[in-house]
Amino acid sequence: MKVPAEVKPALWGAAGGAIAAMIIGFVWGGWVTGGTSEKNAALVAQSAVEQAFVPLCVAKAQQQPDQLILLKKENPYSRRGLRDQSRMGF
């Protein structure tokens, strides 16, 4: 099949324009891939959960001020056992 000579520059221009649009879109336009958007959504969800539970954790910690002293004395690697024993809730 023969393509007329006047069509070839139009096809090359369309292909170049599509590539340029993708480069501009991803670099300056704010386009992201599906994987990046899923990572961003997970980070936003985690942040929302943390923000929702901070007041609850602060209130529970204020109800048991003696536990804070024990928590500061405890080794960071063994705090999980202290938390489970005291049932502080965070």
PDB file of N, CA and C in Angstrom:
ATOM      1  N   MET A   1       0.844  -1.170   0.000  1.00  0.00           N
ATOM      2  CA  MET A   1       0.000   0.000   0.000  1.00  0.00           C
ATOM      3  C   MET A   1       0.894   1.239   0.000  1.00  0.00           C
ATOM      4  N   LYS A   2       0.603   2.113  -0.898  1.00  0.00           N
ATOM      5  CA  LYS A   2       1.392   3.329  -1.039  1.00  0.00           C
ATOM      6  C   LYS A   2       0.710   4.460  -0.290  1.00  0.00           C
ATOM      7  N   VAL A   3       1.509   5.158   0.501  1.00  0.00           N
ATOM      8  CA  VAL A   3       1.012   6.316   1.226  1.00  0.00           C
ATOM      9  C   VAL A   3       1.443   7.547   0.444  1.00  0.00           C
ATOM     10  N   PRO A   4       0.478   8.440   0.170  1.00  0.00           N
ATOM     11  CA  PRO A   4       0.843   9.644  -0.572  1.00  0.00           C
ATOM     12  C   PRO A   4       1.905  10.459   0.170  1.00  0.00           C
ATOM     13  N   ALA A   5       2.738  11.128  -0.551  1.00  0.00           N
ATOM     14  CA  ALA A   5       3.859  11.878   0.013  1.00  0.00           C
ATOM     15  C   ALA A   5       3.389  12.982   0.954  1.00  0.00           C
ATOM     16  N   GLU A   6       2.205  13.547   0.683  1.00  0.00           N
ATOM     17  CA  GLU A   6       1.745  14.643   1.541  1.00  0.00           C
ATOM     18  C   GLU A   6       1.219  14.160   2.896  1.00  0.00           C
ATOM     19  N   VAL A   7       0.965  12.865   3.041  1.00  0.00           N
ATOM     20  CA  VAL A   7       0.421  12.338   4.296  1.00  0.00           C
ATOM     21  C   VAL A   7       1.545  12.028   5.295  1.00  0.00           C
ATOM     22  N   LYS A   8       2.721  11.662   4.814  1.00  0.00           N
ATOM     23  CA  LYS A   8       3.819  11.288   5.699  1.00  0.00           C
ATOM     24  C   LYS A   8       4.189  12.396   6.689  1.00  0.00           C
ATOM     25  N   PRO A   9       4.344  13.643   6.284  1.00  0.00           N
ATOM     26  CA  PRO A   9       4.671  14.678   7.270  1.00  0.00           C
ATOM     27  C   PRO A   9       3.568  14.867   8.316  1.00  0.00           C
ATOM     28  N   ALA A  10       2.329  14.681   7.909  1.00  0.00           N
ATOM     29  CA  ALA A  10       1.211  14.818   8.857  1.00  0.00           C
ATOM     30  C   ALA A  10       1.258  13.700   9.896  1.00  0.00           C
ATOM     31  N   LEU A  11       1.563  12.476   9.475  1.00  0.00           N
ATOM     32  CA  LEU A  11       1.663  11.356  10.410  1.00  0.00           C
ATOM     33  C   LEU A  11       2.838  11.551  11.374  1.00  0.00           C
ATOM     34  N   TRP A  12       3.981  11.986  10.844  1.00  0.00           N
ATOM     35  CA  TRP A  12       5.133  12.241  11.706  1.00  0.00           C
ATOM     36  C   TRP A  12       4.833  13.387  12.679  1.00  0.00           C
ATOM     37  N   GLY A  13       4.138  14.388  12.222  1.00  0.00           N
ATOM     38  CA  GLY A  13       3.760  15.513  13.098  1.00  0.00           C
ATOM     39  C   GLY A  13       2.803  15.064  14.196  1.00  0.00           C
ATOM     40  N   ALA A  14       1.861  14.199  13.863  1.00  0.00           N
ATOM     41  CA  ALA A  14       0.927  13.686  14.870  1.00  0.00           C
ATOM     42  C   ALA A  14       1.659  12.832  15.903  1.00  0.00           C
ATOM     43  N   ALA A  15       2.571  11.979  15.438  1.00  0.00           N
ATOM     44  CA  ALA A  15       3.337  11.138  16.365  1.00  0.00           C
ATOM     45  C   ALA A  15       4.227  12.000  17.262  1.00  0.00           C
ATOM     46  N   GLY A  16       4.902  12.973  16.675  1.00  0.00           N
ATOM     47  CA  GLY A  16       5.747  13.875  17.469  1.00  0.00           C
ATOM     48  C   GLY A  16       4.932  14.689  18.458  1.00  0.00           C
ATOM     49  N   GLY A  17       3.759  15.136  18.033  1.00  0.00           N
ATOM     50  CA  GLY A  17       2.881  15.901  18.926  1.00  0.00           C
ATOM     51  C   GLY A  17       2.387  15.060  20.094  1.00  0.00           C
ATOM     52  N   ALA A  18       2.073  13.798  19.833  1.00  0.00           N
ATOM     53  CA  ALA A  18       1.624  12.908  20.910  1.00  0.00           C
ATOM     54  C   ALA A  18       2.744  12.675  21.918  1.00  0.00           C
ATOM     55  N   ILE A  19       3.949  12.466  21.422  1.00  0.00           N
ATOM     56  CA  ILE A  19       5.091  12.259  22.320  1.00  0.00           C
ATOM     57  C   ILE A  19       5.373  13.524  23.117  1.00  0.00           C
ATOM     58  N   ALA A  20       5.334  14.668  22.474  1.00  0.00           N
ATOM     59  CA  ALA A  20       5.569  15.937  23.170  1.00  0.00           C
ATOM     60  C   ALA A  20       4.493  16.181  24.225  1.00  0.00           C
ATOM     61  N   ALA A  21       3.244  15.872  23.901  1.00  0.00           N
ATOM     62  CA  ALA A  21       2.160  16.052  24.875  1.00  0.00           C
ATOM     63  C   ALA A  21       2.356  15.163  26.098  1.00  0.00           C
ATOM     64  N   MET A  22       2.814  13.929  25.889  1.00  0.00           N
ATOM     65  CA  MET A  22       3.059  13.037  27.024  1.00  0.00           C
ATOM     66  C   MET A  22       4.211  13.541  27.888  1.00  0.00           C
ATOM     67  N   ILE A  23       5.284  13.988  27.255  1.00  0.00           N
ATOM     68  CA  ILE A  23       6.429  14.490  28.019  1.00  0.00           C
ATOM     69  C   ILE A  23       6.021  15.716  28.826  1.00  0.00           C
ATOM     70  N   ILE A  24       5.358  16.653  28.188  1.00  0.00           N
ATOM     71  CA  ILE A  24       4.914  17.864  28.891  1.00  0.00           C
ATOM     72  C   ILE A  24       3.924  17.518  29.990  1.00  0.00           C
ATOM     73  N   GLY A  25       3.026  16.593  29.739  1.00  0.00           N
ATOM     74  CA  GLY A  25       2.025  16.208  30.738  1.00  0.00           C
ATOM     75  C   GLY A  25       2.631  15.572  31.971  1.00  0.00           C
ATOM     76  N   PHE A  26       3.601  14.671  31.785  1.00  0.00           N
ATOM     77  CA  PHE A  26       4.206  13.999  32.933  1.00  0.00           C
ATOM     78  C   PHE A  26       5.205  14.886  33.673  1.00  0.00           C
ATOM     79  N   VAL A  27       5.928  15.742  32.944  1.00  0.00           N
ATOM     80  CA  VAL A  27       6.944  16.569  33.585  1.00  0.00           C
ATOM     81  C   VAL A  27       6.326  17.803  34.236  1.00  0.00           C
ATOM     82  N   TRP A  28       5.517  18.548  33.499  1.00  0.00           N
ATOM     83  CA  TRP A  28       4.980  19.800  34.021  1.00  0.00           C
ATOM     84  C   TRP A  28       3.486  19.769  34.292  1.00  0.00           C
ATOM     85  N   GLY A  29       2.783  18.847  33.717  1.00  0.00           N
ATOM     86  CA  GLY A  29       1.326  18.846  33.817  1.00  0.00           C
ATOM     87  C   GLY A  29       0.753  18.163  35.046  1.00  0.00           C
ATOM     88  N   GLY A  30       1.592  17.461  35.803  1.00  0.00           N
ATOM     89  CA  GLY A  30       1.097  16.803  36.998  1.00  0.00           C
ATOM     90  C   GLY A  30       0.494  15.429  36.755  1.00  0.00           C
ATOM     91  N   TRP A  31       0.685  14.867  35.580  1.00  0.00           N
ATOM     92  CA  TRP A  31       0.181  13.532  35.323  1.00  0.00           C
ATOM     93  C   TRP A  31       1.008  12.529  36.111  1.00  0.00           C
ATOM     94  N   VAL A  32       0.368  11.481  36.590  1.00  0.00           N
ATOM     95  CA  VAL A  32       1.078  10.405  37.297  1.00  0.00           C
ATOM     96  C   VAL A  32       0.550   9.066  36.814  1.00  0.00           C
ATOM     97  N   THR A  33       1.330   8.035  37.082  1.00  0.00           N
ATOM     98  CA  THR A  33       0.899   6.690  36.714  1.00  0.00           C
ATOM     99  C   THR A  33      -0.044   6.147  37.783  1.00  0.00           C
ATOM    100  N   GLY A  34      -0.663   5.038  37.510  1.00  0.00           N
ATOM    101  CA  GLY A  34      -1.586   4.422  38.462  1.00  0.00           C
ATOM    102  C   GLY A  34      -0.908   4.016  39.758  1.00  0.00           C
ATOM    103  N   GLY A  35       0.313   3.505  39.659  1.00  0.00           N
ATOM    104  CA  GLY A  35       1.055   3.099  40.849  1.00  0.00           C
ATOM    105  C   GLY A  35       1.367   4.277  41.763  1.00  0.00           C
ATOM    106  N   THR A  36       1.752   5.395  41.169  1.00  0.00           N
ATOM    107  CA  THR A  36       2.050   6.587  41.959  1.00  0.00           C
ATOM    108  C   THR A  36       0.800   7.117  42.634  1.00  0.00           C
ATOM    109  N   SER A  37      -0.315   7.103  41.934  1.00  0.00           N
ATOM    110  CA  SER A  37      -1.549   7.600  42.542  1.00  0.00           C
ATOM    111  C   SER A  37      -2.014   6.686  43.675  1.00  0.00           C
ATOM    112  N   GLU A  38      -1.792   5.376  43.552  1.00  0.00           N
ATOM    113  CA  GLU A  38      -2.143   4.462  44.640  1.00  0.00           C
ATOM    114  C   GLU A  38      -1.267   4.705  45.866  1.00  0.00           C
ATOM    115  N   LYS A  39       0.027   4.947  45.653  1.00  0.00           N
ATOM    116  CA  LYS A  39       0.927   5.251  46.773  1.00  0.00           C
ATOM    117  C   LYS A  39       0.492   6.541  47.467  1.00  0.00           C
ATOM    118  N   ASN A  40       0.173   7.556  46.673  1.00  0.00           N
ATOM    119  CA  ASN A  40      -0.267   8.829  47.251  1.00  0.00           C
ATOM    120  C   ASN A  40      -1.571   8.663  48.027  1.00  0.00           C
ATOM    121  N   ALA A  41      -2.494   7.872  47.502  1.00  0.00           N
ATOM    122  CA  ALA A  41      -3.763   7.643  48.197  1.00  0.00           C
ATOM    123  C   ALA A  41      -3.538   6.909  49.513  1.00  0.00           C
ATOM    124  N   ALA A  42      -2.620   5.944  49.526  1.00  0.00           N
ATOM    125  CA  ALA A  42      -2.321   5.214  50.767  1.00  0.00           C
ATOM    126  C   ALA A  42      -1.709   6.144  51.805  1.00  0.00           C
ATOM    127  N   LEU A  43      -0.830   7.044  51.386  1.00  0.00           N
ATOM    128  CA  LEU A  43      -0.228   7.992  52.321  1.00  0.00           C
ATOM    129  C   LEU A  43      -1.270   8.944  52.902  1.00  0.00           C
ATOM    130  N   VAL A  44      -2.178   9.408  52.056  1.00  0.00           N
ATOM    131  CA  VAL A  44      -3.231  10.310  52.529  1.00  0.00           C
ATOM    132  C   VAL A  44      -4.156   9.584  53.495  1.00  0.00           C
ATOM    133  N   ALA A  45      -4.491   8.340  53.206  1.00  0.00           N
ATOM    134  CA  ALA A  45      -5.360   7.567  54.093  1.00  0.00           C
ATOM    135  C   ALA A  45      -4.684   7.331  55.440  1.00  0.00           C
ATOM    136  N   GLN A  46      -3.411   6.989  55.434  1.00  0.00           N
ATOM    137  CA  GLN A  46      -2.676   6.773  56.681  1.00  0.00           C
ATOM    138  C   GLN A  46      -2.619   8.046  57.501  1.00  0.00           C
ATOM    139  N   SER A  47      -2.380   9.159  56.848  1.00  0.00           N
ATOM    140  CA  SER A  47      -2.328  10.443  57.542  1.00  0.00           C
ATOM    141  C   SER A  47      -3.679  10.787  58.155  1.00  0.00           C
ATOM    142  N   ALA A  48      -4.762  10.503  57.441  1.00  0.00           N
ATOM    143  CA  ALA A  48      -6.102  10.784  57.962  1.00  0.00           C
ATOM    144  C   ALA A  48      -6.405   9.934  59.190  1.00  0.00           C
ATOM    145  N   VAL A  49      -6.001   8.688  59.162  1.00  0.00           N
ATOM    146  CA  VAL A  49      -6.218   7.802  60.317  1.00  0.00           C
ATOM    147  C   VAL A  49      -5.429   8.304  61.516  1.00  0.00           C
ATOM    148  N   GLU A  50      -4.175   8.688  61.295  1.00  0.00           N
ATOM    149  CA  GLU A  50      -3.361   9.199  62.391  1.00  0.00           C
ATOM    150  C   GLU A  50      -3.969  10.468  62.988  1.00  0.00           C
ATOM    151  N   GLN A  51      -4.429  11.361  62.140  1.00  0.00           N
ATOM    152  CA  GLN A  51      -5.028  12.604  62.626  1.00  0.00           C
ATOM    153  C   GLN A  51      -6.314  12.334  63.396  1.00  0.00           C
ATOM    154  N   ALA A  52      -7.036  11.315  63.011  1.00  0.00           N
ATOM    155  CA  ALA A  52      -8.282  11.000  63.705  1.00  0.00           C
ATOM    156  C   ALA A  52      -8.022  10.404  65.085  1.00  0.00           C
ATOM    157  N   PHE A  53      -6.932   9.639  65.248  1.00  0.00           N
ATOM    158  CA  PHE A  53      -6.675   8.964  66.512  1.00  0.00           C
ATOM    159  C   PHE A  53      -5.799   9.743  67.493  1.00  0.00           C
ATOM    160  N   VAL A  54      -5.154  10.803  67.060  1.00  0.00           N
ATOM    161  CA  VAL A  54      -4.285  11.565  67.961  1.00  0.00           C
ATOM    162  C   VAL A  54      -5.057  12.095  69.171  1.00  0.00           C
ATOM    163  N   PRO A  55      -6.222  12.710  69.006  1.00  0.00           N
ATOM    164  CA  PRO A  55      -6.936  13.197  70.193  1.00  0.00           C
ATOM    165  C   PRO A  55      -7.302  12.073  71.168  1.00  0.00           C
ATOM    166  N   LEU A  56      -7.680  10.928  70.659  1.00  0.00           N
ATOM    167  CA  LEU A  56      -8.009   9.787  71.508  1.00  0.00           C
ATOM    168  C   LEU A  56      -6.782   9.303  72.283  1.00  0.00           C
ATOM    169  N   CYS A  57      -5.667   9.206  71.611  1.00  0.00           N
ATOM    170  CA  CYS A  57      -4.446   8.748  72.273  1.00  0.00           C
ATOM    171  C   CYS A  57      -3.982   9.744  73.329  1.00  0.00           C
ATOM    172  N   VAL A  58      -4.097  11.021  73.048  1.00  0.00           N
ATOM    173  CA  VAL A  58      -3.702  12.035  74.023  1.00  0.00           C
ATOM    174  C   VAL A  58      -4.612  11.968  75.239  1.00  0.00           C
ATOM    175  N   ALA A  59      -5.903  11.820  75.011  1.00  0.00           N
ATOM    176  CA  ALA A  59      -6.844  11.740  76.127  1.00  0.00           C
ATOM    177  C   ALA A  59      -6.557  10.508  76.995  1.00  0.00           C
ATOM    178  N   LYS A  60      -6.282   9.375  76.366  1.00  0.00           N
ATOM    179  CA  LYS A  60      -5.983   8.164  77.142  1.00  0.00           C
ATOM    180  C   LYS A  60      -4.676   8.313  77.907  1.00  0.00           C
ATOM    181  N   ALA A  61      -3.682   8.963  77.312  1.00  0.00           N
ATOM    182  CA  ALA A  61      -2.407   9.160  77.996  1.00  0.00           C
ATOM    183  C   ALA A  61      -2.567  10.097  79.188  1.00  0.00           C
ATOM    184  N   GLN A  62      -3.437  11.089  79.062  1.00  0.00           N
ATOM    185  CA  GLN A  62      -3.663  12.014  80.170  1.00  0.00           C
ATOM    186  C   GLN A  62      -4.414  11.336  81.316  1.00  0.00           C
ATOM    187  N   GLN A  63      -5.175  10.316  81.023  1.00  0.00           N
ATOM    188  CA  GLN A  63      -5.896   9.588  82.068  1.00  0.00           C
ATOM    189  C   GLN A  63      -4.952   8.704  82.892  1.00  0.00           C
ATOM    190  N   GLN A  64      -3.805   8.353  82.322  1.00  0.00           N
ATOM    191  CA  GLN A  64      -2.852   7.473  83.013  1.00  0.00           C
ATOM    192  C   GLN A  64      -1.456   8.109  83.000  1.00  0.00           C
ATOM    193  N   PRO A  65      -1.237   9.178  83.753  1.00  0.00           N
ATOM    194  CA  PRO A  65       0.068   9.861  83.703  1.00  0.00           C
ATOM    195  C   PRO A  65       1.213   9.004  84.241  1.00  0.00           C
ATOM    196  N   ASP A  66       0.935   8.063  85.140  1.00  0.00           N
ATOM    197  CA  ASP A  66       2.000   7.210  85.670  1.00  0.00           C
ATOM    198  C   ASP A  66       2.567   6.278  84.602  1.00  0.00           C
ATOM    199  N   GLN A  67       1.780   5.949  83.600  1.00  0.00           N
ATOM    200  CA  GLN A  67       2.251   5.072  82.529  1.00  0.00           C
ATOM    201  C   GLN A  67       3.278   5.782  81.656  1.00  0.00           C
ATOM    202  N   LEU A  68       3.185   7.099  81.544  1.00  0.00           N
ATOM    203  CA  LEU A  68       4.138   7.843  80.730  1.00  0.00           C
ATOM    204  C   LEU A  68       5.536   7.759  81.327  1.00  0.00           C
ATOM    205  N   ILE A  69       5.629   7.793  82.639  1.00  0.00           N
ATOM    206  CA  ILE A  69       6.928   7.668  83.303  1.00  0.00           C
ATOM    207  C   ILE A  69       7.525   6.294  83.016  1.00  0.00           C
ATOM    208  N   LEU A  70       6.712   5.257  83.118  1.00  0.00           N
ATOM    209  CA  LEU A  70       7.191   3.904  82.818  1.00  0.00           C
ATOM    210  C   LEU A  70       7.606   3.774  81.356  1.00  0.00           C
ATOM    211  N   LEU A  71       6.848   4.409  80.479  1.00  0.00           N
ATOM    212  CA  LEU A  71       7.136   4.329  79.049  1.00  0.00           C
ATOM    213  C   LEU A  71       8.472   4.996  78.728  1.00  0.00           C
ATOM    214  N   LYS A  72       8.761   6.123  79.379  1.00  0.00           N
ATOM    215  CA  LYS A  72      10.030   6.807  79.124  1.00  0.00           C
ATOM    216  C   LYS A  72      11.219   6.022  79.668  1.00  0.00           C
ATOM    217  N   LYS A  73      11.026   5.282  80.726  1.00  0.00           N
ATOM    218  CA  LYS A  73      12.109   4.483  81.297  1.00  0.00           C
ATOM    219  C   LYS A  73      12.386   3.237  80.469  1.00  0.00           C
ATOM    220  N   GLU A  74      11.385   2.740  79.767  1.00  0.00           N
ATOM    221  CA  GLU A  74      11.483   1.464  79.051  1.00  0.00           C
ATOM    222  C   GLU A  74      12.331   1.609  77.788  1.00  0.00           C
ATOM    223  N   ASN A  75      13.019   0.544  77.440  1.00  0.00           N
ATOM    224  CA  ASN A  75      13.790   0.471  76.210  1.00  0.00           C
ATOM    225  C   ASN A  75      12.828   0.549  75.022  1.00  0.00           C
ATOM    226  N   PRO A  76      13.156   1.318  73.979  1.00  0.00           N
ATOM    227  CA  PRO A  76      12.235   1.430  72.835  1.00  0.00           C
ATOM    228  C   PRO A  76      11.860   0.089  72.207  1.00  0.00           C
ATOM    229  N   TYR A  77      12.753  -0.888  72.286  1.00  0.00           N
ATOM    230  CA  TYR A  77      12.466  -2.180  71.667  1.00  0.00           C
ATOM    231  C   TYR A  77      11.521  -3.036  72.495  1.00  0.00           C
ATOM    232  N   SER A  78      11.387  -2.719  73.763  1.00  0.00           N
ATOM    233  CA  SER A  78      10.505  -3.529  74.604  1.00  0.00           C
ATOM    234  C   SER A  78       9.251  -2.774  75.024  1.00  0.00           C
ATOM    235  N   ARG A  79       8.985  -1.634  74.410  1.00  0.00           N
ATOM    236  CA  ARG A  79       7.789  -0.856  74.747  1.00  0.00           C
ATOM    237  C   ARG A  79       6.502  -1.568  74.345  1.00  0.00           C
ATOM    238  N   ARG A  80       6.572  -2.413  73.349  1.00  0.00           N
ATOM    239  CA  ARG A  80       5.364  -3.105  72.908  1.00  0.00           C
ATOM    240  C   ARG A  80       4.788  -3.955  74.033  1.00  0.00           C
ATOM    241  N   GLY A  81       5.641  -4.648  74.764  1.00  0.00           N
ATOM    242  CA  GLY A  81       5.175  -5.453  75.887  1.00  0.00           C
ATOM    243  C   GLY A  81       4.567  -4.597  76.973  1.00  0.00           C
ATOM    244  N   LEU A  82       5.147  -3.440  77.230  1.00  0.00           N
ATOM    245  CA  LEU A  82       4.596  -2.518  78.221  1.00  0.00           C
ATOM    246  C   LEU A  82       3.216  -2.042  77.791  1.00  0.00           C
ATOM    247  N   ARG A  83       3.091  -1.729  76.518  1.00  0.00           N
ATOM    248  CA  ARG A  83       1.819  -1.257  75.998  1.00  0.00           C
ATOM    249  C   ARG A  83       0.746  -2.330  76.125  1.00  0.00           C
ATOM    250  N   ASP A  84       1.099  -3.567  75.794  1.00  0.00           N
ATOM    251  CA  ASP A  84       0.128  -4.644  75.870  1.00  0.00           C
ATOM    252  C   ASP A  84      -0.304  -4.909  77.324  1.00  0.00           C
ATOM    253  N   GLN A  85       0.620  -4.780  78.241  1.00  0.00           N
ATOM    254  CA  GLN A  85       0.309  -5.030  79.642  1.00  0.00           C
ATOM    255  C   GLN A  85      -0.549  -3.918  80.243  1.00  0.00           C
ATOM    256  N   SER A  86      -0.268  -2.678  79.835  1.00  0.00           N
ATOM    257  CA  SER A  86      -0.981  -1.559  80.459  1.00  0.00           C
ATOM    258  C   SER A  86      -2.317  -1.273  79.795  1.00  0.00           C
ATOM    259  N   ARG A  87      -2.513  -1.766  78.590  1.00  0.00           N
ATOM    260  CA  ARG A  87      -3.757  -1.559  77.841  1.00  0.00           C
ATOM    261  C   ARG A  87      -4.070  -0.072  77.713  1.00  0.00           C
ATOM    262  N   MET A  88      -3.064   0.691  77.316  1.00  0.00           N
ATOM    263  CA  MET A  88      -3.238   2.132  77.156  1.00  0.00           C
ATOM    264  C   MET A  88      -4.070   2.450  75.914  1.00  0.00           C
ATOM    265  N   GLY A  89      -4.054   1.583  74.934  1.00  0.00           N
ATOM    266  CA  GLY A  89      -4.897   1.804  73.768  1.00  0.00           C
ATOM    267  C   GLY A  89      -4.201   2.440  72.589  1.00  0.00           C
ATOM    268  N   PHE A  90      -2.877   2.604  72.647  1.00  0.00           N
ATOM    269  CA  PHE A  90      -2.196   3.145  71.477  1.00  0.00           C
ATOM    270  C   PHE A  90      -0.907   2.490  71.235  1.00  0.00           C
TER     271      PHE A  90
END
